[in-house]
Amino acid sequence: LEDTSVVDMATQGEKRKIQLQAMLGSL
């Protein structure tokens, strides 16, 4: 369960990071 939670949070983090990088490019 903990491993699944880590994977889910890591997946969310990767998406958030990509969004930030895209936003940085937009600025």
PDB file of all heavy atoms in Angstrom:
ATOM      1  N   LEU A   1       0.828  -1.204   0.000  1.00  0.00           N
ATOM      2  CA  LEU A   1       0.000   0.000   0.000  1.00  0.00           C
ATOM      3  C   LEU A   1       0.863   1.254   0.000  1.00  0.00           C
ATOM      4  O   LEU A   1       0.575   2.228  -0.709  1.00  0.00           O
ATOM      5  CB  LEU A   1      -0.929  -0.007   1.231  1.00  0.00           C
ATOM      6  CG  LEU A   1      -2.043  -1.053   1.234  1.00  0.00           C
ATOM      7  CD1 LEU A   1      -2.760  -1.043   2.578  1.00  0.00           C
ATOM      8  CD2 LEU A   1      -3.032  -0.789   0.100  1.00  0.00           C
ATOM      9  N   GLU A   2       1.904   1.219   0.797  1.00  0.00           N
ATOM     10  CA  GLU A   2       2.819   2.361   0.851  1.00  0.00           C
ATOM     11  C   GLU A   2       3.519   2.549  -0.491  1.00  0.00           C
ATOM     12  O   GLU A   2       3.682   3.668  -0.977  1.00  0.00           O
ATOM     13  CB  GLU A   2       3.848   2.147   1.964  1.00  0.00           C
ATOM     14  CG  GLU A   2       4.841   3.300   2.157  1.00  0.00           C
ATOM     15  CD  GLU A   2       4.263   4.421   2.981  1.00  0.00           C
ATOM     16  OE1 GLU A   2       3.017   4.593   3.006  1.00  0.00           O
ATOM     17  OE2 GLU A   2       5.041   5.160   3.584  1.00  0.00           O
ATOM     18  N   ASP A   3       3.932   1.436  -1.092  1.00  0.00           N
ATOM     19  CA  ASP A   3       4.600   1.504  -2.396  1.00  0.00           C
ATOM     20  C   ASP A   3       3.659   2.079  -3.452  1.00  0.00           C
ATOM     21  O   ASP A   3       4.047   2.905  -4.284  1.00  0.00           O
ATOM     22  CB  ASP A   3       5.076   0.105  -2.799  1.00  0.00           C
ATOM     23  CG  ASP A   3       6.014   0.136  -4.000  1.00  0.00           C
ATOM     24  OD1 ASP A   3       6.599   1.208  -4.256  1.00  0.00           O
ATOM     25  OD2 ASP A   3       6.168  -0.900  -4.655  1.00  0.00           O
ATOM     26  N   THR A   4       2.397   1.642  -3.408  1.00  0.00           N
ATOM     27  CA  THR A   4       1.420   2.177  -4.358  1.00  0.00           C
ATOM     28  C   THR A   4       1.220   3.673  -4.163  1.00  0.00           C
ATOM     29  O   THR A   4       1.132   4.438  -5.133  1.00  0.00           O
ATOM     30  CB  THR A   4       0.073   1.447  -4.184  1.00  0.00           C
ATOM     31  OG1 THR A   4       0.254   0.052  -4.418  1.00  0.00           O
ATOM     32  CG2 THR A   4      -0.967   1.987  -5.151  1.00  0.00           C
ATOM     33  N   SER A   5       1.169   4.087  -2.898  1.00  0.00           N
ATOM     34  CA  SER A   5       1.025   5.511  -2.602  1.00  0.00           C
ATOM     35  C   SER A   5       2.217   6.301  -3.109  1.00  0.00           C
ATOM     36  O   SER A   5       2.069   7.399  -3.655  1.00  0.00           O
ATOM     37  CB  SER A   5       0.861   5.727  -1.088  1.00  0.00           C
ATOM     38  OG  SER A   5      -0.297   5.101  -0.607  1.00  0.00           O
ATOM     39  N   VAL A   6       3.419   5.729  -2.937  1.00  0.00           N
ATOM     40  CA  VAL A   6       4.628   6.402  -3.411  1.00  0.00           C
ATOM     41  C   VAL A   6       4.592   6.544  -4.936  1.00  0.00           C
ATOM     42  O   VAL A   6       4.922   7.599  -5.486  1.00  0.00           O
ATOM     43  CB  VAL A   6       5.892   5.633  -2.962  1.00  0.00           C
ATOM     44  CG1 VAL A   6       7.135   6.188  -3.650  1.00  0.00           C
ATOM     45  CG2 VAL A   6       6.062   5.723  -1.447  1.00  0.00           C
ATOM     46  N   VAL A   7       4.204   5.470  -5.623  1.00  0.00           N
ATOM     47  CA  VAL A   7       4.135   5.511  -7.088  1.00  0.00           C
ATOM     48  C   VAL A   7       3.123   6.560  -7.546  1.00  0.00           C
ATOM     49  O   VAL A   7       3.380   7.348  -8.465  1.00  0.00           O
ATOM     50  CB  VAL A   7       3.772   4.125  -7.653  1.00  0.00           C
ATOM     51  CG1 VAL A   7       3.521   4.208  -9.156  1.00  0.00           C
ATOM     52  CG2 VAL A   7       4.893   3.136  -7.371  1.00  0.00           C
ATOM     53  N   ASP A   8       1.947   6.570  -6.887  1.00  0.00           N
ATOM     54  CA  ASP A   8       0.910   7.541  -7.259  1.00  0.00           C
ATOM     55  C   ASP A   8       1.407   8.971  -7.054  1.00  0.00           C
ATOM     56  O   ASP A   8       1.231   9.841  -7.919  1.00  0.00           O
ATOM     57  CB  ASP A   8      -0.351   7.309  -6.429  1.00  0.00           C
ATOM     58  CG  ASP A   8      -1.060   6.013  -6.807  1.00  0.00           C
ATOM     59  OD1 ASP A   8      -0.782   5.489  -7.910  1.00  0.00           O
ATOM     60  OD2 ASP A   8      -1.882   5.536  -6.009  1.00  0.00           O
ATOM     61  N   MET A   9       2.035   9.213  -5.898  1.00  0.00           N
ATOM     62  CA  MET A   9       2.531  10.562  -5.612  1.00  0.00           C
ATOM     63  C   MET A   9       3.667  10.933  -6.552  1.00  0.00           C
ATOM     64  O   MET A   9       3.791  12.088  -6.976  1.00  0.00           O
ATOM     65  CB  MET A   9       2.980  10.654  -4.162  1.00  0.00           C
ATOM     66  CG  MET A   9       1.854  10.554  -3.142  1.00  0.00           C
ATOM     67  SD  MET A   9       0.606  11.845  -3.338  1.00  0.00           S
ATOM     68  CE  MET A   9       1.525  13.268  -2.772  1.00  0.00           C
ATOM     69  N   ALA A  10       4.527   9.977  -6.884  1.00  0.00           N
ATOM     70  CA  ALA A  10       5.622  10.255  -7.815  1.00  0.00           C
ATOM     71  C   ALA A  10       5.087  10.592  -9.200  1.00  0.00           C
ATOM     72  O   ALA A  10       5.599  11.485  -9.880  1.00  0.00           O
ATOM     73  CB  ALA A  10       6.571   9.061  -7.884  1.00  0.00           C
ATOM     74  N   THR A  11       4.044   9.870  -9.629  1.00  0.00           N
ATOM     75  CA  THR A  11       3.420  10.157 -10.929  1.00  0.00           C
ATOM     76  C   THR A  11       2.832  11.561 -10.949  1.00  0.00           C
ATOM     77  O   THR A  11       3.001  12.322 -11.915  1.00  0.00           O
ATOM     78  CB  THR A  11       2.321   9.119 -11.219  1.00  0.00           C
ATOM     79  OG1 THR A  11       2.883   7.811 -11.209  1.00  0.00           O
ATOM     80  CG2 THR A  11       1.680   9.386 -12.572  1.00  0.00           C
ATOM     81  N   GLN A  12       2.139  11.918  -9.856  1.00  0.00           N
ATOM     82  CA  GLN A  12       1.602  13.268  -9.757  1.00  0.00           C
ATOM     83  C   GLN A  12       2.722  14.302  -9.788  1.00  0.00           C
ATOM     84  O   GLN A  12       2.611  15.346 -10.430  1.00  0.00           O
ATOM     85  CB  GLN A  12       0.795  13.425  -8.461  1.00  0.00           C
ATOM     86  CG  GLN A  12      -0.462  12.597  -8.400  1.00  0.00           C
ATOM     87  CD  GLN A  12      -1.193  12.773  -7.080  1.00  0.00           C
ATOM     88  OE1 GLN A  12      -1.126  13.836  -6.459  1.00  0.00           O
ATOM     89  NE2 GLN A  12      -1.901  11.737  -6.642  1.00  0.00           N
ATOM     90  N   GLY A  13       3.822  14.002  -9.061  1.00  0.00           N
ATOM     91  CA  GLY A  13       4.945  14.928  -9.010  1.00  0.00           C
ATOM     92  C   GLY A  13       5.574  15.141 -10.375  1.00  0.00           C
ATOM     93  O   GLY A  13       5.964  16.267 -10.718  1.00  0.00           O
ATOM     94  N   GLU A  14       5.701  14.067 -11.152  1.00  0.00           N
ATOM     95  CA  GLU A  14       6.263  14.200 -12.492  1.00  0.00           C
ATOM     96  C   GLU A  14       5.379  15.115 -13.356  1.00  0.00           C
ATOM     97  O   GLU A  14       5.888  15.959 -14.107  1.00  0.00           O
ATOM     98  CB  GLU A  14       6.382  12.815 -13.145  1.00  0.00           C
ATOM     99  CG  GLU A  14       7.452  11.922 -12.542  1.00  0.00           C
ATOM    100  CD  GLU A  14       8.866  12.406 -12.867  1.00  0.00           C
ATOM    101  OE1 GLU A  14       9.007  13.373 -13.634  1.00  0.00           O
ATOM    102  OE2 GLU A  14       9.815  11.795 -12.349  1.00  0.00           O
ATOM    103  N   LYS A  15       4.056  14.930 -13.249  1.00  0.00           N
ATOM    104  CA  LYS A  15       3.137  15.771 -14.025  1.00  0.00           C
ATOM    105  C   LYS A  15       3.246  17.229 -13.584  1.00  0.00           C
ATOM    106  O   LYS A  15       3.276  18.146 -14.421  1.00  0.00           O
ATOM    107  CB  LYS A  15       1.703  15.273 -13.845  1.00  0.00           C
ATOM    108  CG  LYS A  15       1.435  13.911 -14.466  1.00  0.00           C
ATOM    109  CD  LYS A  15      -0.013  13.494 -14.251  1.00  0.00           C
ATOM    110  CE  LYS A  15      -0.283  12.123 -14.876  1.00  0.00           C
ATOM    111  NZ  LYS A  15      -1.691  11.686 -14.647  1.00  0.00           N
ATOM    112  N   ARG A  16       3.300  17.442 -12.270  1.00  0.00           N
ATOM    113  CA  ARG A  16       3.411  18.810 -11.757  1.00  0.00           C
ATOM    114  C   ARG A  16       4.716  19.456 -12.219  1.00  0.00           C
ATOM    115  O   ARG A  16       4.757  20.634 -12.575  1.00  0.00           O
ATOM    116  CB  ARG A  16       3.352  18.798 -10.225  1.00  0.00           C
ATOM    117  CG  ARG A  16       2.042  18.269  -9.655  1.00  0.00           C
ATOM    118  CD  ARG A  16       0.930  19.279  -9.788  1.00  0.00           C
ATOM    119  NE  ARG A  16      -0.274  18.802  -9.121  1.00  0.00           N
ATOM    120  CZ  ARG A  16      -1.317  18.261  -9.752  1.00  0.00           C
ATOM    121  NH1 ARG A  16      -1.285  18.134 -11.070  1.00  0.00           N
ATOM    122  NH2 ARG A  16      -2.374  17.862  -9.079  1.00  0.00           N
ATOM    123  N   LYS A  17       5.793  18.677 -12.217  1.00  0.00           N
ATOM    124  CA  LYS A  17       7.087  19.207 -12.645  1.00  0.00           C
ATOM    125  C   LYS A  17       7.041  19.617 -14.113  1.00  0.00           C
ATOM    126  O   LYS A  17       7.556  20.681 -14.489  1.00  0.00           O
ATOM    127  CB  LYS A  17       8.179  18.154 -12.406  1.00  0.00           C
ATOM    128  CG  LYS A  17       9.557  18.583 -12.881  1.00  0.00           C
ATOM    129  CD  LYS A  17      10.563  17.474 -12.668  1.00  0.00           C
ATOM    130  CE  LYS A  17      11.912  17.840 -13.276  1.00  0.00           C
ATOM    131  NZ  LYS A  17      12.899  16.747 -13.129  1.00  0.00           N
ATOM    132  N   ILE A  18       6.426  18.772 -14.947  1.00  0.00           N
ATOM    133  CA  ILE A  18       6.310  19.081 -16.381  1.00  0.00           C
ATOM    134  C   ILE A  18       5.482  20.357 -16.579  1.00  0.00           C
ATOM    135  O   ILE A  18       5.811  21.206 -17.412  1.00  0.00           O
ATOM    136  CB  ILE A  18       5.681  17.890 -17.130  1.00  0.00           C
ATOM    137  CG1 ILE A  18       6.648  16.693 -17.110  1.00  0.00           C
ATOM    138  CG2 ILE A  18       5.336  18.271 -18.555  1.00  0.00           C
ATOM    139  CD1 ILE A  18       6.049  15.420 -17.669  1.00  0.00           C
ATOM    140  N   GLN A  19       4.407  20.492 -15.796  1.00  0.00           N
ATOM    141  CA  GLN A  19       3.587  21.693 -15.888  1.00  0.00           C
ATOM    142  C   GLN A  19       4.381  22.940 -15.507  1.00  0.00           C
ATOM    143  O   GLN A  19       4.257  23.989 -16.152  1.00  0.00           O
ATOM    144  CB  GLN A  19       2.358  21.556 -14.983  1.00  0.00           C
ATOM    145  CG  GLN A  19       1.363  20.503 -15.458  1.00  0.00           C
ATOM    146  CD  GLN A  19       0.243  20.281 -14.448  1.00  0.00           C
ATOM    147  OE1 GLN A  19       0.263  20.816 -13.346  1.00  0.00           O
ATOM    148  NE2 GLN A  19      -0.747  19.473 -14.836  1.00  0.00           N
ATOM    149  N   LEU A  20       5.190  22.834 -14.466  1.00  0.00           N
ATOM    150  CA  LEU A  20       6.014  23.976 -14.051  1.00  0.00           C
ATOM    151  C   LEU A  20       7.029  24.338 -15.128  1.00  0.00           C
ATOM    152  O   LEU A  20       7.270  25.520 -15.408  1.00  0.00           O
ATOM    153  CB  LEU A  20       6.742  23.649 -12.735  1.00  0.00           C
ATOM    154  CG  LEU A  20       5.887  23.612 -11.469  1.00  0.00           C
ATOM    155  CD1 LEU A  20       6.713  23.118 -10.296  1.00  0.00           C
ATOM    156  CD2 LEU A  20       5.326  25.001 -11.152  1.00  0.00           C
ATOM    157  N   GLN A  21       7.639  23.311 -15.721  1.00  0.00           N
ATOM    158  CA  GLN A  21       8.614  23.582 -16.772  1.00  0.00           C
ATOM    159  C   GLN A  21       7.949  24.254 -17.971  1.00  0.00           C
ATOM    160  O   GLN A  21       8.516  25.171 -18.575  1.00  0.00           O
ATOM    161  CB  GLN A  21       9.292  22.279 -17.191  1.00  0.00           C
ATOM    162  CG  GLN A  21      10.213  21.703 -16.117  1.00  0.00           C
ATOM    163  CD  GLN A  21      10.723  20.325 -16.440  1.00  0.00           C
ATOM    164  OE1 GLN A  21      10.084  19.581 -17.181  1.00  0.00           O
ATOM    165  NE2 GLN A  21      11.869  19.979 -15.893  1.00  0.00           N
ATOM    166  N   ALA A  22       6.743  23.796 -18.318  1.00  0.00           N
ATOM    167  CA  ALA A  22       6.006  24.417 -19.417  1.00  0.00           C
ATOM    168  C   ALA A  22       5.645  25.856 -19.074  1.00  0.00           C
ATOM    169  O   ALA A  22       5.721  26.751 -19.923  1.00  0.00           O
ATOM    170  CB  ALA A  22       4.744  23.602 -19.734  1.00  0.00           C
ATOM    171  N   MET A  23       5.242  26.078 -17.826  1.00  0.00           N
ATOM    172  CA  MET A  23       4.885  27.427 -17.396  1.00  0.00           C
ATOM    173  C   MET A  23       6.093  28.341 -17.432  1.00  0.00           C
ATOM    174  O   MET A  23       6.000  29.512 -17.794  1.00  0.00           O
ATOM    175  CB  MET A  23       4.296  27.363 -15.982  1.00  0.00           C
ATOM    176  CG  MET A  23       3.667  28.669 -15.524  1.00  0.00           C
ATOM    177  SD  MET A  23       2.341  29.214 -16.632  1.00  0.00           S
ATOM    178  CE  MET A  23       1.248  27.800 -16.549  1.00  0.00           C
ATOM    179  N   LEU A  24       7.263  27.793 -17.056  1.00  0.00           N
ATOM    180  CA  LEU A  24       8.491  28.578 -17.102  1.00  0.00           C
ATOM    181  C   LEU A  24       8.808  28.992 -18.535  1.00  0.00           C
ATOM    182  O   LEU A  24       9.229  30.124 -18.800  1.00  0.00           O
ATOM    183  CB  LEU A  24       9.648  27.753 -16.514  1.00  0.00           C
ATOM    184  CG  LEU A  24      10.940  28.501 -16.191  1.00  0.00           C
ATOM    185  CD1 LEU A  24      10.692  29.572 -15.148  1.00  0.00           C
ATOM    186  CD2 LEU A  24      12.002  27.527 -15.694  1.00  0.00           C
ATOM    187  N   GLY A  25       8.561  28.067 -19.467  1.00  0.00           N
ATOM    188  CA  GLY A  25       8.773  28.404 -20.870  1.00  0.00           C
ATOM    189  C   GLY A  25       7.788  29.462 -21.354  1.00  0.00           C
ATOM    190  O   GLY A  25       8.152  30.354 -22.126  1.00  0.00           O
ATOM    191  N   SER A  26       6.544  29.388 -20.905  1.00  0.00           N
ATOM    192  CA  SER A  26       5.539  30.370 -21.304  1.00  0.00           C
ATOM    193  C   SER A  26       5.896  31.766 -20.820  1.00  0.00           C
ATOM    194  O   SER A  26       5.699  32.758 -21.520  1.00  0.00           O
ATOM    195  CB  SER A  26       4.158  29.964 -20.756  1.00  0.00           C
ATOM    196  OG  SER A  26       3.757  28.715 -21.264  1.00  0.00           O
ATOM    197  N   LEU A  27       6.428  31.845 -19.610  1.00  0.00           N
ATOM    198  CA  LEU A  27       6.809  33.148 -19.055  1.00  0.00           C
ATOM    199  C   LEU A  27       7.955  33.777 -19.838  1.00  0.00           C
ATOM    200  O   LEU A  27       8.161  34.988 -19.790  1.00  0.00           O
ATOM    201  CB  LEU A  27       7.182  32.994 -17.576  1.00  0.00           C
ATOM    202  CG  LEU A  27       6.015  32.717 -16.630  1.00  0.00           C
ATOM    203  CD1 LEU A  27       6.526  32.332 -15.250  1.00  0.00           C
ATOM    204  CD2 LEU A  27       5.120  33.950 -16.526  1.00  0.00           C
TER     205      LEU A  27
END
